Amino acid sequence: MINIKENYKQAVPALKERFGYKNIMAVPKIEKVVVNTGLGKMIMGTTSGEQKKIFESVLGDLSIICGQKVVLTKAKKSIAGFKTRTGIPIGAKVTLRGYKMNDFLNRVINIALPRSRDFQGINPKSFDNQGSLTIPIKEHIIFPEISPERTKIVFGFEITVVTTAKSKEEGLELIKLLGFPIKK
């Protein structure tokens, strides 16, 4: 069983040696985890009552998965092509830090990802140039907290692991040393 906090303590000397950091505070670490989902396709062409039920279902399930209250995100601009108006809810997000972040990442690595269909590891191309990792989840029912029988709507979301790394290579090395299953 992988533990993020314990693995980080062991990863610090290896990162310090590999990248030549002089100070322990320069070693990259995980800053926060952002979980977000878009609701646009789900609410397209539905009445306001149906939209409310969709919002409640998605927000409730995400809150259970993350262990923290989820915030609705609203459209900043009106875009005719996407049939959005300023101020209508188009997504949901939650930012996790500290203990909740570590607990969530432990559950994702040890329980959820191995349960997902055809999982062979996290693609190394999922890193951006600042060293942050984005993991797409196709179905939220891979989490054991969610009962597939009671779920009305199956939705996907993204988990973004934001690191203090300065480059893609530093972020990839940090995530590998923490025990994330990276595809070869």
C-alpha atoms as a PDB file:
ATOM      1  CA  MET A   1       0.000   0.000   0.000  1.00  0.00           C
ATOM      2  CA  ILE A   2       1.446   3.326  -1.110  1.00  0.00           C
ATOM      3  CA  ASN A   3       1.547   6.220   1.359  1.00  0.00           C
ATOM      4  CA  ILE A   4       2.288   9.638  -0.181  1.00  0.00           C
ATOM      5  CA  LYS A   5       3.624  11.257   3.000  1.00  0.00           C
ATOM      6  CA  GLU A   6       6.033   8.417   3.818  1.00  0.00           C
ATOM      7  CA  ASN A   7       7.217   8.144   0.214  1.00  0.00           C
ATOM      8  CA  TYR A   8       7.925  11.892   0.087  1.00  0.00           C
ATOM      9  CA  LYS A   9      10.265  11.644   3.085  1.00  0.00           C
ATOM     10  CA  GLN A  10      12.212   8.940   1.231  1.00  0.00           C
ATOM     11  CA  ALA A  11      12.096  10.816  -2.110  1.00  0.00           C
ATOM     12  CA  VAL A  12      13.654  14.066  -0.822  1.00  0.00           C
ATOM     13  CA  PRO A  13      17.282  12.809  -0.705  1.00  0.00           C
ATOM     14  CA  ALA A  14      16.955  11.169  -4.141  1.00  0.00           C
ATOM     15  CA  LEU A  15      15.509  14.356  -5.688  1.00  0.00           C
ATOM     16  CA  LYS A  16      18.151  16.483  -3.971  1.00  0.00           C
ATOM     17  CA  GLU A  17      20.917  14.335  -5.411  1.00  0.00           C
ATOM     18  CA  ARG A  18      19.422  13.984  -8.921  1.00  0.00           C
ATOM     19  CA  PHE A  19      18.726  17.686  -9.530  1.00  0.00           C
ATOM     20  CA  GLY A  20      21.466  19.149  -7.302  1.00  0.00           C
ATOM     21  CA  TYR A  21      19.300  21.148  -4.912  1.00  0.00           C
ATOM     22  CA  LYS A  22      21.355  22.846  -2.215  1.00  0.00           C
ATOM     23  CA  ASN A  23      18.428  23.556   0.115  1.00  0.00           C
ATOM     24  CA  ILE A  24      15.754  21.089   1.210  1.00  0.00           C
ATOM     25  CA  MET A  25      13.106  23.782   0.620  1.00  0.00           C
ATOM     26  CA  ALA A  26      13.971  23.810  -3.120  1.00  0.00           C
ATOM     27  CA  VAL A  27      12.897  20.166  -3.497  1.00  0.00           C
ATOM     28  CA  PRO A  28       9.533  20.011  -5.324  1.00  0.00           C
ATOM     29  CA  LYS A  29       6.460  18.818  -3.478  1.00  0.00           C
ATOM     30  CA  ILE A  30       2.745  18.448  -4.095  1.00  0.00           C
ATOM     31  CA  GLU A  31       1.095  21.789  -3.418  1.00  0.00           C
ATOM     32  CA  LYS A  32      -2.583  20.963  -3.979  1.00  0.00           C
ATOM     33  CA  VAL A  33      -4.984  18.678  -5.822  1.00  0.00           C
ATOM     34  CA  VAL A  34      -7.824  20.133  -7.896  1.00  0.00           C
ATOM     35  CA  VAL A  35     -10.736  17.881  -8.872  1.00  0.00           C
ATOM     36  CA  ASN A  36     -13.049  19.310 -11.533  1.00  0.00           C
ATOM     37  CA  THR A  37     -15.781  18.257 -13.930  1.00  0.00           C
ATOM     38  CA  GLY A  38     -17.772  19.925 -16.673  1.00  0.00           C
ATOM     39  CA  LEU A  39     -21.551  19.691 -16.678  1.00  0.00           C
ATOM     40  CA  GLY A  40     -22.224  21.243 -20.081  1.00  0.00           C
ATOM     41  CA  LYS A  41     -23.180  18.122 -22.048  1.00  0.00           C
ATOM     42  CA  MET A  42     -25.265  16.711 -19.190  1.00  0.00           C
ATOM     43  CA  ILE A  43     -27.465  19.796 -18.794  1.00  0.00           C
ATOM     44  CA  MET A  44     -27.789  20.612 -22.504  1.00  0.00           C
ATOM     45  CA  GLY A  45     -31.445  20.577 -23.536  1.00  0.00           C
ATOM     46  CA  THR A  46     -32.887  19.887 -20.083  1.00  0.00           C
ATOM     47  CA  THR A  47     -35.417  21.821 -18.045  1.00  0.00           C
ATOM     48  CA  SER A  48     -34.396  23.758 -14.950  1.00  0.00           C
ATOM     49  CA  GLY A  49     -35.880  21.073 -12.683  1.00  0.00           C
ATOM     50  CA  GLU A  50     -33.869  18.343 -14.381  1.00  0.00           C
ATOM     51  CA  GLN A  51     -30.755  20.526 -14.228  1.00  0.00           C
ATOM     52  CA  LYS A  52     -31.197  20.952 -10.492  1.00  0.00           C
ATOM     53  CA  LYS A  53     -31.346  17.156 -10.037  1.00  0.00           C
ATOM     54  CA  ILE A  54     -28.197  16.728 -12.156  1.00  0.00           C
ATOM     55  CA  PHE A  55     -26.348  19.381 -10.120  1.00  0.00           C
ATOM     56  CA  GLU A  56     -27.397  17.772  -6.824  1.00  0.00           C
ATOM     57  CA  SER A  57     -26.338  14.306  -8.001  1.00  0.00           C
ATOM     58  CA  VAL A  58     -22.947  15.398  -9.358  1.00  0.00           C
ATOM     59  CA  LEU A  59     -22.138  17.692  -6.430  1.00  0.00           C
ATOM     60  CA  GLY A  60     -23.198  15.046  -3.907  1.00  0.00           C
ATOM     61  CA  ASP A  61     -21.100  12.307  -5.495  1.00  0.00           C
ATOM     62  CA  LEU A  62     -18.027  14.544  -5.879  1.00  0.00           C
ATOM     63  CA  SER A  63     -18.372  15.652  -2.241  1.00  0.00           C
ATOM     64  CA  ILE A  64     -18.460  12.026  -1.117  1.00  0.00           C
ATOM     65  CA  ILE A  65     -15.409  11.153  -3.239  1.00  0.00           C
ATOM     66  CA  CYS A  66     -13.327  14.159  -2.122  1.00  0.00           C
ATOM     67  CA  GLY A  67     -14.552  14.493   1.458  1.00  0.00           C
ATOM     68  CA  GLN A  68     -15.040  18.226   1.048  1.00  0.00           C
ATOM     69  CA  LYS A  69     -17.767  20.568  -0.225  1.00  0.00           C
ATOM     70  CA  VAL A  70     -17.746  21.096  -3.993  1.00  0.00           C
ATOM     71  CA  VAL A  71     -18.177  24.521  -5.615  1.00  0.00           C
ATOM     72  CA  LEU A  72     -20.209  25.168  -8.762  1.00  0.00           C
ATOM     73  CA  THR A  73     -18.300  27.068 -11.451  1.00  0.00           C
ATOM     74  CA  LYS A  74     -20.231  29.529 -13.586  1.00  0.00           C
ATOM     75  CA  ALA A  75     -19.720  30.750 -17.135  1.00  0.00           C
ATOM     76  CA  LYS A  76     -17.746  34.014 -17.339  1.00  0.00           C
ATOM     77  CA  LYS A  77     -18.829  34.834 -20.883  1.00  0.00           C
ATOM     78  CA  SER A  78     -21.770  34.121 -23.150  1.00  0.00           C
ATOM     79  CA  ILE A  79     -20.780  31.872 -26.059  1.00  0.00           C
ATOM     80  CA  ALA A  80     -23.481  31.207 -28.651  1.00  0.00           C
ATOM     81  CA  GLY A  81     -21.729  28.165 -30.151  1.00  0.00           C
ATOM     82  CA  PHE A  82     -21.775  26.388 -26.789  1.00  0.00           C
ATOM     83  CA  LYS A  83     -25.241  27.745 -25.869  1.00  0.00           C
ATOM     84  CA  THR A  84     -23.960  29.302 -22.640  1.00  0.00           C
ATOM     85  CA  ARG A  85     -24.886  32.555 -20.986  1.00  0.00           C
ATOM     86  CA  THR A  86     -22.951  34.519 -18.422  1.00  0.00           C
ATOM     87  CA  GLY A  87     -23.581  33.199 -14.914  1.00  0.00           C
ATOM     88  CA  ILE A  88     -25.063  29.775 -15.681  1.00  0.00           C
ATOM     89  CA  PRO A  89     -23.415  26.813 -13.876  1.00  0.00           C
ATOM     90  CA  ILE A  90     -21.160  24.856 -16.250  1.00  0.00           C
ATOM     91  CA  GLY A  91     -18.935  22.825 -13.924  1.00  0.00           C
ATOM     92  CA  ALA A  92     -17.913  21.843 -10.433  1.00  0.00           C
ATOM     93  CA  LYS A  93     -14.549  21.860  -8.680  1.00  0.00           C
ATOM     94  CA  VAL A  94     -12.887  21.246  -5.343  1.00  0.00           C
ATOM     95  CA  THR A  95      -9.362  22.063  -4.160  1.00  0.00           C
ATOM     96  CA  LEU A  96      -7.757  19.720  -1.639  1.00  0.00           C
ATOM     97  CA  ARG A  97      -4.717  20.538   0.495  1.00  0.00           C
ATOM     98  CA  GLY A  98      -2.908  19.006   3.450  1.00  0.00           C
ATOM     99  CA  TYR A  99      -4.337  15.916   5.122  1.00  0.00           C
ATOM    100  CA  LYS A 100      -7.391  15.630   2.832  1.00  0.00           C
ATOM    101  CA  MET A 101      -5.129  15.883  -0.219  1.00  0.00           C
ATOM    102  CA  ASN A 102      -2.839  13.080   1.013  1.00  0.00           C
ATOM    103  CA  ASP A 103      -5.800  10.890   1.954  1.00  0.00           C
ATOM    104  CA  PHE A 104      -7.448  11.459  -1.444  1.00  0.00           C
ATOM    105  CA  LEU A 105      -4.254  10.686  -3.395  1.00  0.00           C
ATOM    106  CA  ASN A 106      -3.686   7.512  -1.351  1.00  0.00           C
ATOM    107  CA  ARG A 107      -7.230   6.349  -2.220  1.00  0.00           C
ATOM    108  CA  VAL A 108      -6.784   7.227  -5.910  1.00  0.00           C
ATOM    109  CA  ILE A 109      -3.469   5.358  -6.235  1.00  0.00           C
ATOM    110  CA  ASN A 110      -4.271   2.337  -4.082  1.00  0.00           C
ATOM    111  CA  ILE A 111      -7.982   1.779  -4.738  1.00  0.00           C
ATOM    112  CA  ALA A 112      -9.557   3.765  -7.584  1.00  0.00           C
ATOM    113  CA  LEU A 113      -7.005   3.548 -10.412  1.00  0.00           C
ATOM    114  CA  PRO A 114      -6.501  -0.232 -10.094  1.00  0.00           C
ATOM    115  CA  ARG A 115     -10.319  -0.635 -10.262  1.00  0.00           C
ATOM    116  CA  SER A 116     -10.658   1.361 -13.483  1.00  0.00           C
ATOM    117  CA  ARG A 117     -11.194  -0.530 -16.697  1.00  0.00           C
ATOM    118  CA  ASP A 118      -8.083  -1.302 -18.824  1.00  0.00           C
ATOM    119  CA  PHE A 119      -5.758   0.726 -16.576  1.00  0.00           C
ATOM    120  CA  GLN A 120      -2.107   0.286 -17.525  1.00  0.00           C
ATOM    121  CA  GLY A 121      -0.611   3.307 -15.777  1.00  0.00           C
ATOM    122  CA  ILE A 122      -0.642   7.095 -15.982  1.00  0.00           C
ATOM    123  CA  ASN A 123       0.585   8.437 -19.306  1.00  0.00           C
ATOM    124  CA  PRO A 124       3.797  10.506 -18.922  1.00  0.00           C
ATOM    125  CA  LYS A 125       2.340  12.920 -21.505  1.00  0.00           C
ATOM    126  CA  SER A 126      -0.215  13.959 -18.863  1.00  0.00           C
ATOM    127  CA  PHE A 127       2.369  16.350 -17.384  1.00  0.00           C
ATOM    128  CA  ASP A 128       2.424  20.020 -18.345  1.00  0.00           C
ATOM    129  CA  ASN A 129       5.602  22.104 -18.646  1.00  0.00           C
ATOM    130  CA  GLN A 130       5.310  23.326 -15.028  1.00  0.00           C
ATOM    131  CA  GLY A 131       5.447  19.766 -13.657  1.00  0.00           C
ATOM    132  CA  SER A 132       1.747  19.362 -12.814  1.00  0.00           C
ATOM    133  CA  LEU A 133      -0.049  16.088 -13.552  1.00  0.00           C
ATOM    134  CA  THR A 134      -3.619  15.743 -14.832  1.00  0.00           C
ATOM    135  CA  ILE A 135      -5.298  12.346 -14.465  1.00  0.00           C
ATOM    136  CA  PRO A 136      -8.564  11.823 -16.390  1.00  0.00           C
ATOM    137  CA  ILE A 137     -11.174   9.607 -14.730  1.00  0.00           C
ATOM    138  CA  LYS A 138     -13.817   8.341 -17.193  1.00  0.00           C
ATOM    139  CA  GLU A 139     -16.327   7.004 -14.663  1.00  0.00           C
ATOM    140  CA  HIS A 140     -16.696   8.225 -11.100  1.00  0.00           C
ATOM    141  CA  ILE A 141     -18.080   4.860 -10.010  1.00  0.00           C
ATOM    142  CA  ILE A 142     -14.541   3.409  -9.740  1.00  0.00           C
ATOM    143  CA  PHE A 143     -14.432   4.894  -6.239  1.00  0.00           C
ATOM    144  CA  PRO A 144     -15.741   2.460  -3.606  1.00  0.00           C
ATOM    145  CA  GLU A 145     -17.678   5.232  -1.827  1.00  0.00           C
ATOM    146  CA  ILE A 146     -20.073   5.447  -4.785  1.00  0.00           C
ATOM    147  CA  SER A 147     -22.670   2.710  -5.203  1.00  0.00           C
ATOM    148  CA  PRO A 148     -23.260   2.056  -8.925  1.00  0.00           C
ATOM    149  CA  GLU A 149     -26.795   0.808  -8.184  1.00  0.00           C
ATOM    150  CA  ARG A 150     -27.890   4.096  -6.598  1.00  0.00           C
ATOM    151  CA  THR A 151     -26.104   6.383  -9.067  1.00  0.00           C
ATOM    152  CA  LYS A 152     -28.398   8.075 -11.573  1.00  0.00           C
ATOM    153  CA  ILE A 153     -25.679   9.767 -13.631  1.00  0.00           C
ATOM    154  CA  VAL A 154     -22.216   8.417 -14.447  1.00  0.00           C
ATOM    155  CA  PHE A 155     -19.776  11.248 -15.134  1.00  0.00           C
ATOM    156  CA  GLY A 156     -16.065  11.723 -15.607  1.00  0.00           C
ATOM    157  CA  PHE A 157     -13.726  14.241 -14.036  1.00  0.00           C
ATOM    158  CA  GLU A 158     -10.092  15.318 -13.913  1.00  0.00           C
ATOM    159  CA  ILE A 159      -7.660  15.185 -11.030  1.00  0.00           C
ATOM    160  CA  THR A 160      -4.904  17.792 -11.337  1.00  0.00           C
ATOM    161  CA  VAL A 161      -1.923  17.273  -9.030  1.00  0.00           C
ATOM    162  CA  VAL A 162      -0.208  20.677  -8.787  1.00  0.00           C
ATOM    163  CA  THR A 163       3.471  20.495  -7.815  1.00  0.00           C
ATOM    164  CA  THR A 164       6.084  23.138  -7.035  1.00  0.00           C
ATOM    165  CA  ALA A 165       8.370  21.626  -9.690  1.00  0.00           C
ATOM    166  CA  LYS A 166       9.901  24.026 -12.208  1.00  0.00           C
ATOM    167  CA  SER A 167       9.966  21.620 -15.167  1.00  0.00           C
ATOM    168  CA  LYS A 168       8.251  18.573 -16.613  1.00  0.00           C
ATOM    169  CA  GLU A 169      11.243  16.337 -15.749  1.00  0.00           C
ATOM    170  CA  GLU A 170      11.243  17.394 -12.074  1.00  0.00           C
ATOM    171  CA  GLY A 171       7.491  16.806 -11.790  1.00  0.00           C
ATOM    172  CA  LEU A 172       7.696  13.393 -13.458  1.00  0.00           C
ATOM    173  CA  GLU A 173      10.557  12.286 -11.195  1.00  0.00           C
ATOM    174  CA  LEU A 174       8.690  13.485  -8.071  1.00  0.00           C
ATOM    175  CA  ILE A 175       5.508  11.629  -9.047  1.00  0.00           C
ATOM    176  CA  LYS A 176       7.464   8.441  -9.865  1.00  0.00           C
ATOM    177  CA  LEU A 177       9.263   8.519  -6.506  1.00  0.00           C
ATOM    178  CA  LEU A 178       5.963   9.055  -4.676  1.00  0.00           C
ATOM    179  CA  GLY A 179       4.703   5.753  -6.091  1.00  0.00           C
ATOM    180  CA  PHE A 180       2.236   6.844  -8.769  1.00  0.00           C
ATOM    181  CA  PRO A 181       1.811   4.102 -11.413  1.00  0.00           C
ATOM    182  CA  ILE A 182       3.450   5.709 -14.470  1.00  0.00           C
ATOM    183  CA  LYS A 183       3.209   3.904 -17.822  1.00  0.00           C
ATOM    184  CA  LYS A 184       6.578   2.833 -19.236  1.00  0.00           C
END
